[in-house]
C-alpha cells in the first residue's frame, strides 16, 4: 500500500504538466522581453552619451526662446542684466559638498527672461557671493526644468525653500512669468577661480549598466528553460517507475 501510494504521488497529472509548461513559457517570455528592452535601452543610452558629448564640446549657439528634451545639454550663449533681487537658492549636493545653486533671472535686451544657474555656493556663503551689475555675457548648457522637488521633499514657494530647479514655480514665486523661458542655463566655470558662485559643475556622466541587466534577464530566461527540462525529465522517470 505504501509503495503503491508513493508511486501514485510521484506521477504528475496532465493538468500539472500543462500548468508548469504555461508558467515556464510566461517566465521565459517575460525575462526575454526584459532582456530585449535592456538591449534597446543600451542603444538609447549610447546614443545619448554620444549626443551629449558632442553638444557640450560644440561652439555655443544663441539661447533659444524654448527648448525640448532634444536640446538638453546644448551649449548656448546669451546676454543681459541679472535681476539679483529675484534670485532663488536651491538645495544642492555636488562634488564640492552640500550647499546651494544660485538661480538668477537674466533679462535679455528683447525682454525675454532666462533663468541662469550661476553655480554653487556653500551654506556659509549663501548671502556672500558676486553680484555683477550691468550687462553680462553668459555661456552654458541648456537644462530642462525640474518640477516638483527633490531630496524626497517638495518645493515650498511660500517658505522660499527650493529642492529642485523648477523654473515655472520659481518664476511664479518671483513674479516673473510669463516672460521666462521654460528651461534654465547651467553657467560654465568663470574665468576667476575661487570666486562664488562656482559654475561649470554640470554632471554630464550617465550610468550605463544596461548590458549587465540584459545579460541577467537573458540568463534568467535560459535558467527557466533549464529548470523546466530538469523537472520534465524527472517527471518522466517517476512515471516510468
C-alpha atoms as a PDB file:
ATOM      1  CA  UNK A   1       0.000   0.000   0.000  1.00  0.00           C
ATOM      2  CA  UNK A   2       2.710   2.432   0.953  1.00  0.00           C
ATOM      3  CA  UNK A   3       4.793   1.702  -2.130  1.00  0.00           C
ATOM      4  CA  UNK A   4       1.796   1.988  -4.407  1.00  0.00           C
ATOM      5  CA  UNK A   5       0.723   5.221  -2.747  1.00  0.00           C
ATOM      6  CA  UNK A   6       4.186   6.675  -3.174  1.00  0.00           C
ATOM      7  CA  UNK A   7       4.171   5.734  -6.819  1.00  0.00           C
ATOM      8  CA  UNK A   8       0.815   7.415  -7.307  1.00  0.00           C
ATOM      9  CA  UNK A   9       2.090  10.567  -5.649  1.00  0.00           C
ATOM     10  CA  UNK A  10       5.139  10.634  -7.916  1.00  0.00           C
ATOM     11  CA  UNK A  11       3.002  10.596 -11.042  1.00  0.00           C
ATOM     12  CA  UNK A  12       2.301  14.110 -12.307  1.00  0.00           C
ATOM     13  CA  UNK A  13      -1.183  14.797 -13.603  1.00  0.00           C
ATOM     14  CA  UNK A  14      -1.666  16.248 -17.100  1.00  0.00           C
ATOM     15  CA  UNK A  15      -3.009  19.420 -15.508  1.00  0.00           C
ATOM     16  CA  UNK A  16       0.194  19.880 -13.532  1.00  0.00           C
ATOM     17  CA  UNK A  17       2.337  19.424 -16.631  1.00  0.00           C
ATOM     18  CA  UNK A  18       0.234  21.851 -18.668  1.00  0.00           C
ATOM     19  CA  UNK A  19       0.353  24.426 -15.857  1.00  0.00           C
ATOM     20  CA  UNK A  20       4.098  24.036 -15.486  1.00  0.00           C
ATOM     21  CA  UNK A  21       4.563  24.492 -19.228  1.00  0.00           C
ATOM     22  CA  UNK A  22       2.431  27.630 -19.302  1.00  0.00           C
ATOM     23  CA  UNK A  23       4.254  29.144 -16.334  1.00  0.00           C
ATOM     24  CA  UNK A  24       7.597  28.356 -17.952  1.00  0.00           C
ATOM     25  CA  UNK A  25       6.525  29.965 -21.217  1.00  0.00           C
ATOM     26  CA  UNK A  26       5.315  33.084 -19.387  1.00  0.00           C
ATOM     27  CA  UNK A  27       8.525  33.409 -17.394  1.00  0.00           C
ATOM     28  CA  UNK A  28      10.672  32.804 -20.470  1.00  0.00           C
ATOM     29  CA  UNK A  29       8.728  35.379 -22.481  1.00  0.00           C
ATOM     30  CA  UNK A  30       8.857  37.894 -19.617  1.00  0.00           C
ATOM     31  CA  UNK A  31      12.564  37.535 -18.952  1.00  0.00           C
ATOM     32  CA  UNK A  32      13.292  37.590 -22.679  1.00  0.00           C
ATOM     33  CA  UNK A  33      11.235  40.757 -23.182  1.00  0.00           C
ATOM     34  CA  UNK A  34      13.078  42.471 -20.332  1.00  0.00           C
ATOM     35  CA  UNK A  35      16.382  41.452 -21.879  1.00  0.00           C
ATOM     36  CA  UNK A  36      15.368  42.870 -25.270  1.00  0.00           C
ATOM     37  CA  UNK A  37      14.190  46.074 -23.571  1.00  0.00           C
ATOM     38  CA  UNK A  38      17.570  46.485 -21.878  1.00  0.00           C
ATOM     39  CA  UNK A  39      19.328  45.991 -25.222  1.00  0.00           C
ATOM     40  CA  UNK A  40      17.171  48.785 -26.640  1.00  0.00           C
ATOM     41  CA  UNK A  41      17.966  50.943 -23.616  1.00  0.00           C
ATOM     42  CA  UNK A  42      21.651  50.240 -24.156  1.00  0.00           C
ATOM     43  CA  UNK A  43      21.452  51.576 -27.716  1.00  0.00           C
ATOM     44  CA  UNK A  44      19.500  54.624 -26.495  1.00  0.00           C
ATOM     45  CA  UNK A  45      21.995  55.334 -23.700  1.00  0.00           C
ATOM     46  CA  UNK A  46      24.994  55.063 -26.018  1.00  0.00           C
ATOM     47  CA  UNK A  47      23.332  57.454 -28.455  1.00  0.00           C
ATOM     48  CA  UNK A  48      22.533  59.864 -25.597  1.00  0.00           C
ATOM     49  CA  UNK A  49      26.127  59.822 -24.353  1.00  0.00           C
ATOM     50  CA  UNK A  50      27.432  60.470 -27.867  1.00  0.00           C
ATOM     51  CA  UNK A  51      24.982  63.342 -28.452  1.00  0.00           C
ATOM     52  CA  UNK A  52      25.675  64.982 -25.100  1.00  0.00           C
ATOM     53  CA  UNK A  53      29.424  64.689 -25.587  1.00  0.00           C
ATOM     54  CA  UNK A  54      29.112  66.357 -28.996  1.00  0.00           C
ATOM     55  CA  UNK A  55      26.899  69.139 -27.629  1.00  0.00           C
ATOM     56  CA  UNK A  56      28.991  70.120 -24.620  1.00  0.00           C
ATOM     57  CA  UNK A  57      32.101  70.486 -26.789  1.00  0.00           C
ATOM     58  CA  UNK A  58      30.391  72.308 -29.660  1.00  0.00           C
ATOM     59  CA  UNK A  59      30.614  76.037 -30.251  1.00  0.00           C
ATOM     60  CA  UNK A  60      27.839  77.875 -28.364  1.00  0.00           C
ATOM     61  CA  UNK A  61      24.730  78.954 -30.246  1.00  0.00           C
ATOM     62  CA  UNK A  62      22.277  81.728 -29.277  1.00  0.00           C
ATOM     63  CA  UNK A  63      19.954  80.655 -26.470  1.00  0.00           C
ATOM     64  CA  UNK A  64      16.506  79.791 -27.892  1.00  0.00           C
ATOM     65  CA  UNK A  65      13.161  81.014 -26.576  1.00  0.00           C
ATOM     66  CA  UNK A  66      12.063  77.438 -25.893  1.00  0.00           C
ATOM     67  CA  UNK A  67      13.776  74.077 -25.500  1.00  0.00           C
ATOM     68  CA  UNK A  68      12.751  70.424 -25.657  1.00  0.00           C
ATOM     69  CA  UNK A  69      14.440  67.237 -24.488  1.00  0.00           C
ATOM     70  CA  UNK A  70      16.347  67.192 -27.783  1.00  0.00           C
ATOM     71  CA  UNK A  71      18.002  70.475 -26.772  1.00  0.00           C
ATOM     72  CA  UNK A  72      19.173  69.413 -23.319  1.00  0.00           C
ATOM     73  CA  UNK A  73      22.906  69.942 -22.699  1.00  0.00           C
ATOM     74  CA  UNK A  74      23.190  72.064 -25.829  1.00  0.00           C
ATOM     75  CA  UNK A  75      25.867  74.749 -25.373  1.00  0.00           C
ATOM     76  CA  UNK A  76      24.369  78.218 -25.704  1.00  0.00           C
ATOM     77  CA  UNK A  77      25.242  81.826 -25.096  1.00  0.00           C
ATOM     78  CA  UNK A  78      23.163  84.856 -24.217  1.00  0.00           C
ATOM     79  CA  UNK A  79      23.484  88.300 -22.695  1.00  0.00           C
ATOM     80  CA  UNK A  80      21.505  90.595 -20.476  1.00  0.00           C
ATOM     81  CA  UNK A  81      21.270  92.022 -16.984  1.00  0.00           C
ATOM     82  CA  UNK A  82      20.944  89.907 -13.851  1.00  0.00           C
ATOM     83  CA  UNK A  83      17.937  90.514 -11.599  1.00  0.00           C
ATOM     84  CA  UNK A  84      19.722  89.655  -8.362  1.00  0.00           C
ATOM     85  CA  UNK A  85      16.787  90.610  -6.160  1.00  0.00           C
ATOM     86  CA  UNK A  86      14.768  87.790  -7.805  1.00  0.00           C
ATOM     87  CA  UNK A  87      17.358  85.048  -7.227  1.00  0.00           C
ATOM     88  CA  UNK A  88      16.478  81.715  -5.612  1.00  0.00           C
ATOM     89  CA  UNK A  89      18.728  79.377  -3.656  1.00  0.00           C
ATOM     90  CA  UNK A  90      18.139  75.702  -4.459  1.00  0.00           C
ATOM     91  CA  UNK A  91      19.490  72.932  -2.255  1.00  0.00           C
ATOM     92  CA  UNK A  92      22.416  71.211  -3.962  1.00  0.00           C
ATOM     93  CA  UNK A  93      24.654  68.195  -3.460  1.00  0.00           C
ATOM     94  CA  UNK A  94      27.839  68.443  -5.526  1.00  0.00           C
ATOM     95  CA  UNK A  95      31.409  67.220  -5.740  1.00  0.00           C
ATOM     96  CA  UNK A  96      32.211  70.206  -3.527  1.00  0.00           C
ATOM     97  CA  UNK A  97      29.757  69.104  -0.861  1.00  0.00           C
ATOM     98  CA  UNK A  98      26.303  70.282   0.138  1.00  0.00           C
ATOM     99  CA  UNK A  99      25.185  73.834  -0.437  1.00  0.00           C
ATOM    100  CA  UNK A 100      23.018  75.790  -2.841  1.00  0.00           C
ATOM    101  CA  UNK A 101      22.609  76.553  -6.515  1.00  0.00           C
ATOM    102  CA  UNK A 102      22.144  80.247  -7.198  1.00  0.00           C
ATOM    103  CA  UNK A 103      19.370  80.644  -9.781  1.00  0.00           C
ATOM    104  CA  UNK A 104      19.188  84.207 -11.018  1.00  0.00           C
ATOM    105  CA  UNK A 105      16.895  85.602 -13.737  1.00  0.00           C
ATOM    106  CA  UNK A 106      18.683  87.263 -16.653  1.00  0.00           C
ATOM    107  CA  UNK A 107      16.755  89.920 -18.570  1.00  0.00           C
ATOM    108  CA  UNK A 108      17.675  89.802 -22.257  1.00  0.00           C
ATOM    109  CA  UNK A 109      17.591  93.061 -24.260  1.00  0.00           C
ATOM    110  CA  UNK A 110      14.470  91.836 -26.109  1.00  0.00           C
ATOM    111  CA  UNK A 111      12.600  91.446 -22.799  1.00  0.00           C
ATOM    112  CA  UNK A 112      12.880  87.686 -22.511  1.00  0.00           C
ATOM    113  CA  UNK A 113      13.951  86.405 -19.109  1.00  0.00           C
ATOM    114  CA  UNK A 114      16.176  83.356 -18.856  1.00  0.00           C
ATOM    115  CA  UNK A 115      16.802  81.559 -15.587  1.00  0.00           C
ATOM    116  CA  UNK A 116      20.537  81.051 -15.079  1.00  0.00           C
ATOM    117  CA  UNK A 117      22.076  78.641 -12.629  1.00  0.00           C
ATOM    118  CA  UNK A 118      25.107  80.771 -11.849  1.00  0.00           C
ATOM    119  CA  UNK A 119      26.718  77.972  -9.844  1.00  0.00           C
ATOM    120  CA  UNK A 120      27.305  76.567  -6.390  1.00  0.00           C
ATOM    121  CA  UNK A 121      27.793  78.327  -3.065  1.00  0.00           C
ATOM    122  CA  UNK A 122      28.490  76.613   0.291  1.00  0.00           C
ATOM    123  CA  UNK A 123      25.999  77.133   3.141  1.00  0.00           C
ATOM    124  CA  UNK A 124      28.136  79.750   4.889  1.00  0.00           C
ATOM    125  CA  UNK A 125      28.300  81.876   1.740  1.00  0.00           C
ATOM    126  CA  UNK A 126      24.713  81.803   0.552  1.00  0.00           C
ATOM    127  CA  UNK A 127      24.433  85.558   1.049  1.00  0.00           C
ATOM    128  CA  UNK A 128      28.044  86.414   0.198  1.00  0.00           C
ATOM    129  CA  UNK A 129      28.720  85.885  -3.483  1.00  0.00           C
ATOM    130  CA  UNK A 130      29.427  88.033  -6.517  1.00  0.00           C
ATOM    131  CA  UNK A 131      26.535  90.024  -7.964  1.00  0.00           C
ATOM    132  CA  UNK A 132      27.749  91.664 -11.158  1.00  0.00           C
ATOM    133  CA  UNK A 133      25.899  94.792 -12.218  1.00  0.00           C
ATOM    134  CA  UNK A 134      25.326  95.880 -15.781  1.00  0.00           C
ATOM    135  CA  UNK A 135      25.317  93.805 -18.982  1.00  0.00           C
ATOM    136  CA  UNK A 136      26.881  90.328 -18.783  1.00  0.00           C
ATOM    137  CA  UNK A 137      27.598  87.568 -21.288  1.00  0.00           C
ATOM    138  CA  UNK A 138      26.623  84.047 -20.213  1.00  0.00           C
ATOM    139  CA  UNK A 139      27.694  80.762 -21.776  1.00  0.00           C
ATOM    140  CA  UNK A 140      26.453  77.429 -20.516  1.00  0.00           C
ATOM    141  CA  UNK A 141      24.356  74.327 -21.079  1.00  0.00           C
ATOM    142  CA  UNK A 142      20.606  74.104 -21.555  1.00  0.00           C
ATOM    143  CA  UNK A 143      18.945  72.165 -18.740  1.00  0.00           C
ATOM    144  CA  UNK A 144      15.292  71.221 -18.542  1.00  0.00           C
ATOM    145  CA  UNK A 145      13.157  72.371 -15.637  1.00  0.00           C
ATOM    146  CA  UNK A 146      12.924  70.089 -12.593  1.00  0.00           C
ATOM    147  CA  UNK A 147       9.315  70.358 -11.372  1.00  0.00           C
ATOM    148  CA  UNK A 148       8.055  69.191  -8.011  1.00  0.00           C
ATOM    149  CA  UNK A 149      11.058  68.993  -5.759  1.00  0.00           C
ATOM    150  CA  UNK A 150      13.950  66.773  -4.810  1.00  0.00           C
ATOM    151  CA  UNK A 151      15.710  65.080  -1.907  1.00  0.00           C
ATOM    152  CA  UNK A 152      12.313  63.462  -1.142  1.00  0.00           C
ATOM    153  CA  UNK A 153      10.922  66.916  -0.348  1.00  0.00           C
ATOM    154  CA  UNK A 154       8.521  69.101  -2.280  1.00  0.00           C
ATOM    155  CA  UNK A 155       9.353  72.691  -3.115  1.00  0.00           C
ATOM    156  CA  UNK A 156       7.756  75.176  -0.739  1.00  0.00           C
ATOM    157  CA  UNK A 157       7.444  78.517  -2.557  1.00  0.00           C
ATOM    158  CA  UNK A 158       5.596  80.154   0.348  1.00  0.00           C
ATOM    159  CA  UNK A 159       8.562  79.493   2.651  1.00  0.00           C
ATOM    160  CA  UNK A 160      11.081  80.129  -0.149  1.00  0.00           C
ATOM    161  CA  UNK A 161      12.501  76.621   0.202  1.00  0.00           C
ATOM    162  CA  UNK A 162      13.612  75.024  -3.035  1.00  0.00           C
ATOM    163  CA  UNK A 163      14.798  71.470  -3.524  1.00  0.00           C
ATOM    164  CA  UNK A 164      14.764  71.364  -7.314  1.00  0.00           C
ATOM    165  CA  UNK A 165      15.288  73.840 -10.109  1.00  0.00           C
ATOM    166  CA  UNK A 166      11.628  74.257 -11.012  1.00  0.00           C
ATOM    167  CA  UNK A 167      11.675  77.173 -13.447  1.00  0.00           C
ATOM    168  CA  UNK A 168       7.923  77.755 -13.586  1.00  0.00           C
ATOM    169  CA  UNK A 169       7.462  77.645  -9.812  1.00  0.00           C
ATOM    170  CA  UNK A 170      10.407  79.954  -9.125  1.00  0.00           C
ATOM    171  CA  UNK A 171       9.282  82.351 -11.859  1.00  0.00           C
ATOM    172  CA  UNK A 172       5.786  82.450 -10.392  1.00  0.00           C
ATOM    173  CA  UNK A 173       7.070  82.999  -6.845  1.00  0.00           C
ATOM    174  CA  UNK A 174       9.296  85.830  -8.090  1.00  0.00           C
ATOM    175  CA  UNK A 175       6.518  87.306 -10.252  1.00  0.00           C
ATOM    176  CA  UNK A 176       8.468  86.809 -13.459  1.00  0.00           C
ATOM    177  CA  UNK A 177       6.016  84.749 -15.522  1.00  0.00           C
ATOM    178  CA  UNK A 178       5.136  84.602 -18.369  1.00  0.00           C
ATOM    179  CA  UNK A 179       8.260  86.142 -19.902  1.00  0.00           C
ATOM    180  CA  UNK A 180      10.547  83.380 -18.567  1.00  0.00           C
ATOM    181  CA  UNK A 181      11.809  80.599 -20.809  1.00  0.00           C
ATOM    182  CA  UNK A 182      10.823  77.050 -19.840  1.00  0.00           C
ATOM    183  CA  UNK A 183      14.424  75.930 -19.256  1.00  0.00           C
ATOM    184  CA  UNK A 184      17.433  77.179 -17.340  1.00  0.00           C
ATOM    185  CA  UNK A 185      21.096  77.537 -18.251  1.00  0.00           C
ATOM    186  CA  UNK A 186      23.888  75.928 -16.259  1.00  0.00           C
ATOM    187  CA  UNK A 187      26.596  78.583 -16.463  1.00  0.00           C
ATOM    188  CA  UNK A 188      30.103  77.414 -17.275  1.00  0.00           C
ATOM    189  CA  UNK A 189      33.013  77.968 -14.913  1.00  0.00           C
ATOM    190  CA  UNK A 190      34.105  81.570 -14.591  1.00  0.00           C
ATOM    191  CA  UNK A 191      37.483  82.943 -15.546  1.00  0.00           C
ATOM    192  CA  UNK A 192      38.360  83.708 -11.913  1.00  0.00           C
ATOM    193  CA  UNK A 193      38.949  80.503  -9.888  1.00  0.00           C
ATOM    194  CA  UNK A 194      37.684  80.635  -6.323  1.00  0.00           C
ATOM    195  CA  UNK A 195      35.020  83.248  -6.965  1.00  0.00           C
ATOM    196  CA  UNK A 196      31.457  82.467  -5.940  1.00  0.00           C
ATOM    197  CA  UNK A 197      29.186  81.131  -7.277  1.00  0.00           C
ATOM    198  CA  UNK A 198      31.216  78.254  -8.769  1.00  0.00           C
ATOM    199  CA  UNK A 199      29.946  77.387 -12.228  1.00  0.00           C
ATOM    200  CA  UNK A 200      30.764  74.503 -14.518  1.00  0.00           C
ATOM    201  CA  UNK A 201      29.597  71.751 -12.145  1.00  0.00           C
ATOM    202  CA  UNK A 202      27.043  70.196 -14.503  1.00  0.00           C
ATOM    203  CA  UNK A 203      27.083  66.411 -14.211  1.00  0.00           C
ATOM    204  CA  UNK A 204      27.301  65.014 -17.736  1.00  0.00           C
ATOM    205  CA  UNK A 205      28.205  61.404 -16.949  1.00  0.00           C
ATOM    206  CA  UNK A 206      25.454  58.825 -17.268  1.00  0.00           C
ATOM    207  CA  UNK A 207      25.494  55.354 -15.683  1.00  0.00           C
ATOM    208  CA  UNK A 208      25.300  52.676 -18.354  1.00  0.00           C
ATOM    209  CA  UNK A 209      24.591  49.261 -16.839  1.00  0.00           C
ATOM    210  CA  UNK A 210      22.087  48.120 -19.452  1.00  0.00           C
ATOM    211  CA  UNK A 211      24.373  45.433 -20.904  1.00  0.00           C
ATOM    212  CA  UNK A 212      24.739  43.770 -17.487  1.00  0.00           C
ATOM    213  CA  UNK A 213      20.982  43.978 -16.953  1.00  0.00           C
ATOM    214  CA  UNK A 214      20.310  42.456 -20.380  1.00  0.00           C
ATOM    215  CA  UNK A 215      22.680  39.567 -19.690  1.00  0.00           C
ATOM    216  CA  UNK A 216      20.982  38.965 -16.335  1.00  0.00           C
ATOM    217  CA  UNK A 217      17.480  38.811 -17.846  1.00  0.00           C
ATOM    218  CA  UNK A 218      18.574  36.528 -20.697  1.00  0.00           C
ATOM    219  CA  UNK A 219      20.378  34.283 -18.204  1.00  0.00           C
ATOM    220  CA  UNK A 220      17.194  34.012 -16.135  1.00  0.00           C
ATOM    221  CA  UNK A 221      15.264  33.073 -19.270  1.00  0.00           C
ATOM    222  CA  UNK A 222      17.761  30.301 -20.046  1.00  0.00           C
ATOM    223  CA  UNK A 223      17.735  29.094 -16.441  1.00  0.00           C
ATOM    224  CA  UNK A 224      13.938  28.914 -16.525  1.00  0.00           C
ATOM    225  CA  UNK A 225      14.040  26.646 -19.554  1.00  0.00           C
ATOM    226  CA  UNK A 226      16.803  24.569 -17.963  1.00  0.00           C
ATOM    227  CA  UNK A 227      14.788  24.090 -14.778  1.00  0.00           C
ATOM    228  CA  UNK A 228      11.738  23.109 -16.832  1.00  0.00           C
ATOM    229  CA  UNK A 229      13.728  20.468 -18.731  1.00  0.00           C
ATOM    230  CA  UNK A 230      15.093  19.015 -15.482  1.00  0.00           C
ATOM    231  CA  UNK A 231      11.616  18.804 -13.934  1.00  0.00           C
ATOM    232  CA  UNK A 232      10.149  17.206 -17.050  1.00  0.00           C
ATOM    233  CA  UNK A 233      12.924  14.604 -17.222  1.00  0.00           C
ATOM    234  CA  UNK A 234      12.485  13.735 -13.560  1.00  0.00           C
ATOM    235  CA  UNK A 235       8.726  13.514 -14.051  1.00  0.00           C
ATOM    236  CA  UNK A 236       9.223  11.119 -16.957  1.00  0.00           C
ATOM    237  CA  UNK A 237      11.486   8.890 -14.838  1.00  0.00           C
ATOM    238  CA  UNK A 238       8.991   8.874 -11.974  1.00  0.00           C
ATOM    239  CA  UNK A 239       6.091   7.998 -14.257  1.00  0.00           C
ATOM    240  CA  UNK A 240       8.030   5.106 -15.824  1.00  0.00           C
ATOM    241  CA  UNK A 241       8.740   3.746 -12.350  1.00  0.00           C
END
